[in-house]
Amino acid sequence: MNEVQEKDNFWLYIVLGVVLVAGAVLMVKSSEHDKYATAAKNIAADSSNSAYRNDALHSGGNTK
């Protein structure tokens, strides 16, 4: 009898899974970065637009 051994593709599946997950994470990160570009530009132009303007650094050292 001739037994034909199948090639084990376990590591191929692992590598493909890692590549797909990494690609998805990079795509989401890229799209989220663009979402906040306008806000970052506005804050850079006028720091009073920041949500953190009432923190200790901007209130003369006084804490809330």
N, C-alpha and C. Protein backbone atom coordinates (compact mmCIF):
# COMPACT_ATOMS: atom_id res chain seq x y z
N MET A 1 0.82 -1.19 0.00
CA MET A 1 0.00 0.00 0.00
C MET A 1 0.86 1.25 0.00
N ASN A 2 0.48 2.18 -0.78
CA ASN A 2 1.17 3.47 -0.82
C ASN A 2 0.37 4.47 0.00
N GLU A 3 1.03 5.01 1.02
CA GLU A 3 0.39 6.03 1.83
C GLU A 3 0.91 7.39 1.40
N VAL A 4 -0.02 8.27 1.07
CA VAL A 4 0.36 9.62 0.65
C VAL A 4 0.17 10.54 1.85
N GLN A 5 1.26 11.19 2.26
CA GLN A 5 1.16 12.10 3.39
C GLN A 5 0.76 13.48 2.89
N GLU A 6 -0.23 14.04 3.56
CA GLU A 6 -0.62 15.41 3.23
C GLU A 6 0.37 16.38 3.86
N LYS A 7 0.59 17.47 3.17
CA LYS A 7 1.48 18.49 3.70
C LYS A 7 0.72 19.26 4.78
N ASP A 8 1.37 19.45 5.91
CA ASP A 8 0.75 20.17 7.02
C ASP A 8 0.86 21.68 6.75
N ASN A 9 -0.28 22.35 6.69
CA ASN A 9 -0.31 23.79 6.40
C ASN A 9 -0.59 24.63 7.64
N PHE A 10 -0.31 24.07 8.83
CA PHE A 10 -0.61 24.76 10.07
C PHE A 10 0.08 26.12 10.14
N TRP A 11 1.39 26.16 9.90
CA TRP A 11 2.12 27.41 10.01
C TRP A 11 1.72 28.40 8.92
N LEU A 12 1.34 27.90 7.77
CA LEU A 12 0.86 28.78 6.71
C LEU A 12 -0.43 29.47 7.15
N TYR A 13 -1.32 28.74 7.78
CA TYR A 13 -2.56 29.32 8.28
C TYR A 13 -2.29 30.34 9.39
N ILE A 14 -1.34 30.04 10.25
CA ILE A 14 -1.00 30.98 11.32
C ILE A 14 -0.46 32.28 10.73
N VAL A 15 0.46 32.18 9.78
CA VAL A 15 1.05 33.36 9.15
C VAL A 15 -0.02 34.16 8.41
N LEU A 16 -0.90 33.50 7.68
CA LEU A 16 -1.97 34.21 6.98
C LEU A 16 -2.90 34.92 7.97
N GLY A 17 -3.20 34.27 9.08
CA GLY A 17 -4.04 34.89 10.10
C GLY A 17 -3.40 36.13 10.70
N VAL A 18 -2.11 36.04 10.99
CA VAL A 18 -1.39 37.19 11.56
C VAL A 18 -1.35 38.34 10.56
N VAL A 19 -1.10 38.03 9.30
CA VAL A 19 -1.04 39.08 8.27
C VAL A 19 -2.41 39.74 8.11
N LEU A 20 -3.46 38.96 8.11
CA LEU A 20 -4.80 39.54 7.98
C LEU A 20 -5.17 40.42 9.17
N VAL A 21 -4.87 39.96 10.36
CA VAL A 21 -5.19 40.75 11.56
C VAL A 21 -4.36 42.03 11.58
N ALA A 22 -3.08 41.93 11.26
CA ALA A 22 -2.23 43.12 11.25
C ALA A 22 -2.71 44.12 10.19
N GLY A 23 -3.12 43.62 9.04
CA GLY A 23 -3.65 44.50 7.99
C GLY A 23 -4.93 45.20 8.44
N ALA A 24 -5.80 44.47 9.12
CA ALA A 24 -7.04 45.07 9.60
C ALA A 24 -6.76 46.15 10.65
N VAL A 25 -5.82 45.87 11.55
CA VAL A 25 -5.48 46.85 12.58
C VAL A 25 -4.89 48.10 11.94
N LEU A 26 -4.01 47.94 10.98
CA LEU A 26 -3.41 49.10 10.32
C LEU A 26 -4.44 49.91 9.54
N MET A 27 -5.40 49.25 8.92
CA MET A 27 -6.44 49.97 8.19
C MET A 27 -7.31 50.78 9.14
N VAL A 28 -7.68 50.19 10.27
CA VAL A 28 -8.51 50.90 11.24
C VAL A 28 -7.74 52.07 11.84
N LYS A 29 -6.46 51.82 12.17
CA LYS A 29 -5.65 52.89 12.74
C LYS A 29 -5.50 54.05 11.77
N SER A 30 -5.32 53.76 10.51
CA SER A 30 -5.17 54.80 9.50
C SER A 30 -6.46 55.61 9.36
N SER A 31 -7.59 54.95 9.36
CA SER A 31 -8.85 55.68 9.20
C SER A 31 -9.17 56.49 10.45
N GLU A 32 -8.79 56.01 11.62
CA GLU A 32 -9.04 56.76 12.85
C GLU A 32 -8.12 57.98 12.95
N HIS A 33 -6.91 57.88 12.43
CA HIS A 33 -5.98 59.01 12.47
C HIS A 33 -6.54 60.19 11.69
N ASP A 34 -7.11 59.92 10.54
CA ASP A 34 -7.66 60.99 9.70
C ASP A 34 -8.86 61.66 10.35
N LYS A 35 -9.56 60.92 11.19
CA LYS A 35 -10.77 61.44 11.82
C LYS A 35 -10.45 62.64 12.72
N TYR A 36 -9.30 62.61 13.40
CA TYR A 36 -8.97 63.64 14.37
C TYR A 36 -8.01 64.69 13.83
N ALA A 37 -7.72 64.67 12.56
CA ALA A 37 -6.77 65.63 11.98
C ALA A 37 -7.30 67.06 12.08
N THR A 38 -8.58 67.26 11.83
CA THR A 38 -9.17 68.60 11.90
C THR A 38 -9.12 69.14 13.33
N ALA A 39 -9.45 68.29 14.29
CA ALA A 39 -9.42 68.73 15.69
C ALA A 39 -8.00 69.08 16.11
N ALA A 40 -7.02 68.28 15.71
CA ALA A 40 -5.63 68.56 16.06
C ALA A 40 -5.17 69.88 15.44
N LYS A 41 -5.60 70.15 14.22
CA LYS A 41 -5.23 71.40 13.56
C LYS A 41 -5.85 72.60 14.29
N ASN A 42 -7.11 72.48 14.69
CA ASN A 42 -7.78 73.57 15.40
C ASN A 42 -7.16 73.81 16.77
N ILE A 43 -6.80 72.76 17.47
CA ILE A 43 -6.17 72.91 18.78
C ILE A 43 -4.80 73.55 18.64
N ALA A 44 -4.07 73.18 17.59
CA ALA A 44 -2.76 73.78 17.36
C ALA A 44 -2.89 75.27 17.07
N ALA A 45 -3.94 75.66 16.39
CA ALA A 45 -4.15 77.07 16.06
C ALA A 45 -4.57 77.87 17.29
N ASP A 46 -5.41 77.29 18.13
CA ASP A 46 -5.90 77.97 19.32
C ASP A 46 -6.07 76.94 20.43
N SER A 47 -5.18 76.94 21.41
CA SER A 47 -5.20 75.89 22.43
C SER A 47 -6.42 75.97 23.33
N SER A 48 -7.19 77.05 23.28
CA SER A 48 -8.40 77.11 24.10
C SER A 48 -9.50 76.21 23.54
N ASN A 49 -9.27 75.65 22.33
CA ASN A 49 -10.23 74.70 21.76
C ASN A 49 -10.09 73.31 22.37
N SER A 50 -9.04 73.11 23.16
CA SER A 50 -8.77 71.79 23.72
C SER A 50 -9.74 71.48 24.86
N ALA A 51 -10.12 70.22 24.99
CA ALA A 51 -10.97 69.79 26.09
C ALA A 51 -10.21 69.80 27.41
N TYR A 52 -8.88 69.89 27.36
CA TYR A 52 -8.05 69.85 28.55
C TYR A 52 -7.62 71.24 29.00
N ARG A 53 -8.30 72.27 28.57
CA ARG A 53 -7.86 73.62 28.89
C ARG A 53 -8.04 73.97 30.36
N ASN A 54 -8.85 73.22 31.11
CA ASN A 54 -9.07 73.50 32.52
C ASN A 54 -8.21 72.65 33.44
N ASP A 55 -7.16 72.06 32.92
CA ASP A 55 -6.31 71.24 33.76
C ASP A 55 -5.35 72.12 34.57
N ALA A 56 -4.52 71.52 35.38
CA ALA A 56 -3.62 72.25 36.29
C ALA A 56 -2.63 73.10 35.51
N LEU A 57 -2.20 72.69 34.36
CA LEU A 57 -1.22 73.45 33.60
C LEU A 57 -1.79 74.75 33.06
N HIS A 58 -3.07 74.77 32.73
CA HIS A 58 -3.66 75.96 32.10
C HIS A 58 -4.43 76.82 33.09
N SER A 59 -4.54 76.40 34.33
CA SER A 59 -5.28 77.20 35.29
C SER A 59 -4.34 77.88 36.30
N GLY A 60 -3.13 78.13 35.91
CA GLY A 60 -2.20 78.83 36.77
C GLY A 60 -1.66 77.97 37.89
N GLY A 61 -1.67 76.67 37.73
CA GLY A 61 -1.12 75.78 38.74
C GLY A 61 -2.14 75.34 39.77
N ASN A 62 -3.33 75.92 39.75
CA ASN A 62 -4.36 75.52 40.69
C ASN A 62 -4.99 74.21 40.24
N THR A 63 -5.23 73.34 41.18
CA THR A 63 -5.92 72.09 40.85
C THR A 63 -7.39 72.25 41.08
N LYS A 64 -8.14 71.39 40.49
CA LYS A 64 -9.60 71.47 40.61
C LYS A 64 -10.07 71.11 41.99
